[in-house]
């Protein structure tokens, strides 16, 4: 995994225990688990979220960041 902040690589990690996600993608909230709905909603604002079903290259990340500048 790679985390980019403002188009710049901020950190990397590996996940030795991948999982098969079975629910919806949540942005700014946490799934309630066995309780329907969501919990712990983010109290701020989140903008310009993009999700991909493949890993982006560093060049693709940089190009996306340049588009929003």
Protein backbone atom coordinates (compact mmCIF):
# COMPACT_ATOMS: atom_id res chain seq x y z
CA UNK A 1 0.00 0.00 0.00
CA UNK A 2 1.12 3.52 -0.70
CA UNK A 3 -0.33 6.71 0.77
CA UNK A 4 0.01 9.91 -1.24
CA UNK A 5 -0.70 13.33 0.25
CA UNK A 6 -0.98 16.24 -2.18
CA UNK A 7 0.60 14.14 -4.92
CA UNK A 8 3.64 13.16 -2.85
CA UNK A 9 4.35 9.70 -1.43
CA UNK A 10 3.86 9.96 2.35
CA UNK A 11 4.31 6.33 3.35
CA UNK A 12 4.12 2.67 2.41
CA UNK A 13 3.13 -0.53 4.19
CA UNK A 14 2.31 -4.14 3.46
CA UNK A 15 -0.80 -6.03 4.47
CA UNK A 16 -0.07 -9.68 5.18
CA UNK A 17 -3.73 -10.35 6.00
CA UNK A 18 -5.83 -9.19 3.03
CA UNK A 19 -9.60 -9.46 3.30
CA UNK A 20 -12.50 -9.70 0.91
CA UNK A 21 -14.57 -6.58 1.47
CA UNK A 22 -18.26 -7.35 1.26
CA UNK A 23 -19.89 -4.04 2.01
CA UNK A 24 -20.05 -0.55 0.56
CA UNK A 25 -17.13 1.88 0.44
CA UNK A 26 -17.46 4.33 3.33
CA UNK A 27 -15.72 7.71 3.24
CA UNK A 28 -15.59 9.56 6.57
CA UNK A 29 -17.52 6.98 8.56
CA UNK A 30 -17.08 3.59 10.14
CA UNK A 31 -19.34 0.61 9.48
CA UNK A 32 -21.53 -0.25 12.45
CA UNK A 33 -20.66 -3.95 12.09
CA UNK A 34 -23.62 -5.98 13.29
CA UNK A 35 -25.47 -2.72 14.03
CA UNK A 36 -27.15 -1.32 10.89
CA UNK A 37 -25.91 2.05 9.66
CA UNK A 38 -22.67 3.85 10.34
CA UNK A 39 -20.93 5.13 13.44
CA UNK A 40 -18.12 7.60 14.16
CA UNK A 41 -18.87 10.03 11.33
CA UNK A 42 -16.00 12.39 10.47
CA UNK A 43 -16.86 15.85 11.86
CA UNK A 44 -15.13 17.81 9.09
CA UNK A 45 -15.35 18.09 5.33
CA UNK A 46 -14.00 15.64 2.78
CA UNK A 47 -13.67 16.63 -0.86
CA UNK A 48 -12.44 15.30 -4.19
CA UNK A 49 -12.51 11.60 -3.33
CA UNK A 50 -11.66 9.20 -6.15
CA UNK A 51 -11.60 5.41 -5.89
CA UNK A 52 -10.01 3.00 -8.34
CA UNK A 53 -10.23 -0.77 -8.66
CA UNK A 54 -6.53 -0.99 -9.50
CA UNK A 55 -3.27 0.43 -8.13
CA UNK A 56 -2.21 3.75 -9.64
CA UNK A 57 1.37 4.37 -10.68
CA UNK A 58 3.27 7.28 -9.10
CA UNK A 59 2.93 9.16 -12.42
CA UNK A 60 -0.86 8.66 -12.43
CA UNK A 61 -1.08 9.95 -8.84
CA UNK A 62 0.97 13.02 -9.78
CA UNK A 63 -1.21 13.69 -12.84
CA UNK A 64 -4.40 13.45 -10.78
CA UNK A 65 -3.00 15.88 -8.23
CA UNK A 66 -2.04 18.34 -10.98
CA UNK A 67 -5.63 18.24 -12.30
CA UNK A 68 -7.00 19.63 -9.03
CA UNK A 69 -4.40 22.39 -8.69
